[in-house]
Protein backbone atom coordinates (compact mmCIF):
# COMPACT_ATOMS: atom_id res chain seq x y z
CA MET A 1 85.27 117.74 116.84
CA ALA A 2 84.97 121.72 115.47
CA ASN A 3 82.34 121.92 112.86
CA ASP A 4 84.97 123.42 110.37
CA GLN A 5 88.02 121.17 111.15
CA GLN A 6 89.89 120.29 107.93
CA ILE A 7 90.27 116.60 107.18
CA ARG A 8 92.45 115.21 104.30
CA SER A 9 89.99 112.48 103.12
CA PHE A 10 89.42 110.14 100.35
CA VAL A 11 87.03 107.73 98.89
CA ALA A 12 88.25 103.95 99.01
CA ILE A 13 87.86 99.88 98.84
CA GLU A 14 89.45 99.10 101.87
CA LEU A 15 91.51 95.66 101.74
CA PRO A 16 90.90 92.30 103.76
CA GLN A 17 94.10 91.39 105.86
CA GLU A 18 95.20 88.31 104.19
CA VAL A 19 96.03 90.89 101.11
CA LYS A 20 97.98 93.18 103.36
CA ALA A 21 99.88 90.57 104.73
CA ALA A 22 100.73 89.22 101.08
CA LEU A 23 101.66 92.86 99.90
CA ALA A 24 104.26 92.93 103.20
CA ASP A 25 105.55 89.82 102.10
CA LEU A 26 106.13 91.15 98.29
CA GLN A 27 107.62 94.46 99.93
CA THR A 28 110.17 92.21 102.20
CA GLY A 29 111.34 90.73 98.97
CA LEU A 30 112.07 93.90 97.19
CA LYS A 31 113.61 95.74 99.88
CA LEU A 32 117.41 96.07 99.55
CA PRO A 33 119.53 98.25 101.44
CA GLU A 34 121.06 99.74 98.33
CA HIS A 35 117.77 100.90 97.38
CA ASN A 36 117.29 103.68 100.05
CA PHE A 37 115.75 106.13 97.41
CA VAL A 38 112.42 103.77 97.70
CA LYS A 39 109.65 104.98 99.92
CA TRP A 40 107.86 101.99 100.69
CA VAL A 41 103.79 102.43 101.88
CA ALA A 42 103.17 100.74 105.02
CA PRO A 43 100.90 97.68 103.78
CA GLU A 44 98.76 98.59 106.45
CA GLY A 45 97.95 101.56 104.81
CA VAL A 46 97.16 100.68 101.07
CA HIS A 47 93.79 101.00 99.83
CA LEU A 48 92.18 100.87 96.51
CA THR A 49 91.48 104.44 96.02
CA LEU A 50 88.48 105.47 93.95
CA LYS A 51 88.72 109.49 94.70
CA PHE A 52 90.94 111.70 96.30
CA LEU A 53 89.05 114.65 98.16
CA GLY A 54 91.80 116.71 99.57
CA SER A 55 90.88 118.55 103.02
CA VAL A 56 87.39 118.72 103.67
CA ALA A 57 85.57 120.34 106.52
CA SER A 58 84.27 118.06 109.09
CA ASN A 59 80.55 119.37 108.57
CA LYS A 60 80.62 118.21 104.88
CA ILE A 61 81.19 114.62 105.84
CA PRO A 62 77.41 113.75 105.70
CA GLU A 63 76.86 115.48 102.27
CA ILE A 64 79.57 113.16 101.01
CA VAL A 65 78.59 109.84 102.53
CA GLY A 66 75.03 110.79 101.17
CA ALA A 67 76.71 110.99 97.53
CA MET A 68 78.40 107.86 98.26
CA GLU A 69 75.38 106.00 99.07
CA LYS A 70 73.89 107.23 96.01
CA ALA A 71 76.62 106.17 93.72
CA ALA A 72 76.85 102.54 95.56
CA LYS A 73 72.85 102.12 94.66
CA GLY A 74 72.44 99.99 91.71
CA ILE A 75 75.79 98.28 91.84
CA SER A 76 75.95 94.82 93.41
CA PRO A 77 79.01 93.55 95.30
CA PHE A 78 81.77 92.31 92.76
CA ARG A 79 85.00 90.58 92.95
CA VAL A 80 88.37 91.87 92.03
CA GLU A 81 91.81 90.16 91.94
CA PHE A 82 95.31 91.36 92.94
CA HIS A 83 98.01 90.00 90.51
CA SER A 84 101.53 91.44 88.72
CA LEU A 85 103.33 93.93 89.25
CA GLY A 86 104.07 97.25 87.22
CA ALA A 87 105.42 100.72 87.61
CA PHE A 88 104.39 104.66 86.39
CA PRO A 89 105.51 105.27 83.93
CA ASN A 90 107.21 102.25 83.35
CA LEU A 91 109.44 99.72 84.69
CA ARG A 92 112.46 101.17 82.93
CA GLN A 93 112.34 104.46 84.67
CA PRO A 94 109.77 103.67 87.75
CA ARG A 95 108.61 106.60 89.69
CA VAL A 96 105.80 104.43 91.36
CA LEU A 97 105.42 100.65 91.95
CA TRP A 98 102.09 99.21 92.12
CA VAL A 99 100.27 95.90 91.95
CA GLY A 100 97.49 95.60 89.12
CA VAL A 101 93.86 94.93 89.91
CA GLY A 102 92.00 92.47 87.88
CA GLY A 103 88.60 90.65 88.23
CA GLU A 104 85.37 92.44 87.60
CA THR A 105 87.13 95.63 86.65
CA ALA A 106 84.43 96.99 84.79
CA ARG A 107 82.28 97.06 87.72
CA LEU A 108 84.93 98.72 89.63
CA ILE A 109 85.42 101.45 86.96
CA ASP A 110 81.53 101.88 86.84
CA LEU A 111 81.85 102.29 90.76
CA GLN A 112 84.48 104.62 90.58
CA GLN A 113 82.63 106.85 87.40
CA ARG A 114 79.35 107.01 89.94
CA VAL A 115 81.53 108.17 93.05
CA ASP A 116 82.97 110.80 90.81
CA THR A 117 79.60 111.77 89.31
CA ALA A 118 77.87 111.73 92.52
CA LEU A 119 80.75 114.19 94.16
CA ALA A 120 80.66 116.60 91.34
CA PRO A 121 77.75 118.63 92.80
CA LEU A 122 79.57 119.40 96.13
CA GLY A 123 82.41 120.79 94.39
CA PHE A 124 84.83 118.03 93.58
CA THR A 125 85.99 118.19 90.31
CA PRO A 126 85.65 114.88 88.25
CA GLU A 127 88.86 113.21 87.42
CA SER A 128 90.28 114.27 84.04
CA ARG A 129 92.37 111.15 83.57
CA SER A 130 90.88 107.78 82.86
CA PHE A 131 90.85 105.56 86.10
CA SER A 132 93.68 102.99 86.10
CA PRO A 133 92.96 100.82 89.11
CA HIS A 134 96.11 99.79 91.44
CA LEU A 135 97.74 99.45 94.52
CA THR A 136 100.42 101.69 95.27
CA LEU A 137 103.52 99.70 96.98
CA ALA A 138 106.24 102.16 96.67
CA ARG A 139 107.15 105.66 95.21
CA LEU A 140 110.95 106.61 94.30
CA ARG A 141 112.29 109.97 95.79
CA GLU A 142 112.85 112.85 93.60
CA GLY A 143 116.53 113.20 92.56
CA VAL A 144 116.92 109.48 91.98
CA SER A 145 119.39 109.02 88.83
CA ALA A 146 118.35 107.20 85.80
CA LEU A 147 120.53 104.21 86.35
CA GLU A 148 119.03 103.86 90.23
CA ARG A 149 115.63 103.67 88.46
CA GLN A 150 116.77 101.33 86.00
CA ASP A 151 118.36 99.05 88.44
CA PHE A 152 115.35 98.98 90.85
CA GLY A 153 113.09 98.19 87.65
CA GLU A 154 115.06 95.49 86.77
CA LEU A 155 114.67 93.85 90.40
CA VAL A 156 110.98 94.26 90.29
CA GLN A 157 110.94 92.58 86.85
CA LYS A 158 112.80 89.67 88.16
CA THR A 159 110.43 89.26 91.00
CA PRO A 160 107.50 86.79 90.71
CA PHE A 161 104.24 87.52 91.86
CA GLU A 162 102.64 84.16 91.71
CA ALA A 163 99.89 84.20 93.93
CA GLU A 164 96.57 85.88 93.05
CA TYR A 165 94.48 87.49 95.81
CA PHE A 166 90.81 88.37 95.52
CA MET A 167 88.21 90.10 97.63
CA GLU A 168 84.31 90.53 97.29
CA VAL A 169 83.80 94.25 97.02
CA GLU A 170 80.76 95.09 99.23
CA THR A 171 81.48 98.25 100.80
CA VAL A 172 83.56 101.58 99.96
CA SER A 173 84.62 103.92 102.82
CA LEU A 174 85.25 107.17 103.27
CA MET A 175 88.95 107.52 104.82
CA GLY A 176 90.43 110.44 106.70
CA SER A 177 94.35 110.44 106.48
CA GLN A 178 96.59 112.33 109.11
CA LEU A 179 99.84 113.06 108.01
CA LEU A 180 102.51 111.98 111.03
CA PRO A 181 106.34 112.13 111.02
CA ALA A 182 106.24 108.35 110.54
CA GLY A 183 104.14 108.56 107.76
CA ALA A 184 100.11 108.83 107.11
CA VAL A 185 97.54 107.42 109.51
CA TYR A 186 94.44 106.20 108.08
CA SER A 187 91.02 106.13 109.86
CA ARG A 188 87.33 104.93 108.62
CA LEU A 189 85.10 108.03 108.75
CA ALA A 190 81.96 106.10 107.02
CA GLU A 191 81.26 103.13 105.59
CA VAL A 192 78.58 102.57 102.55
CA ARG A 193 77.28 99.17 101.40
CA LEU A 194 76.88 98.40 97.76
CA THR A 195 73.01 97.68 97.25
CA GLY A 196 72.48 96.54 93.55
């Protein structure tokens, strides 16, 4: 790997296989042929993103991992749950469909803020918006009519999400993403354990 190769990367919590399988089932129940304006995220590629870094030079990776280790010190493993469906900005005019995150969210938010703070000295601008933990399931394409958005939102509201899935968060990953015609392909560049 050339020293200055650019890698599109982000810091995230990877999901266990059973959660990804549940997301796949959920998507199957929501996919209608007439909603061809919905761009689904491949369940294999769904993560709980803590910080998007953009393109970084490969020789900066060790520094980034060092900052992540600093952020992970003092936080012990914690539990998060996945439940409920929602949309940004709302279900009447959805643009992004998501699954909500519950459980020990105060610990999760603390972890995200620590990651943000630890990466700031390396030139990554801290987030101005408050962190809203969620898993992105789908995005609606540009140019979708208000009526189509509303129709899709109504389908989502009628779709039950009865099961609650949970996971123990023990590690944080630095992920790389490669944009290919078929969609993004993700790979783990590094993994850091929570050592609280």
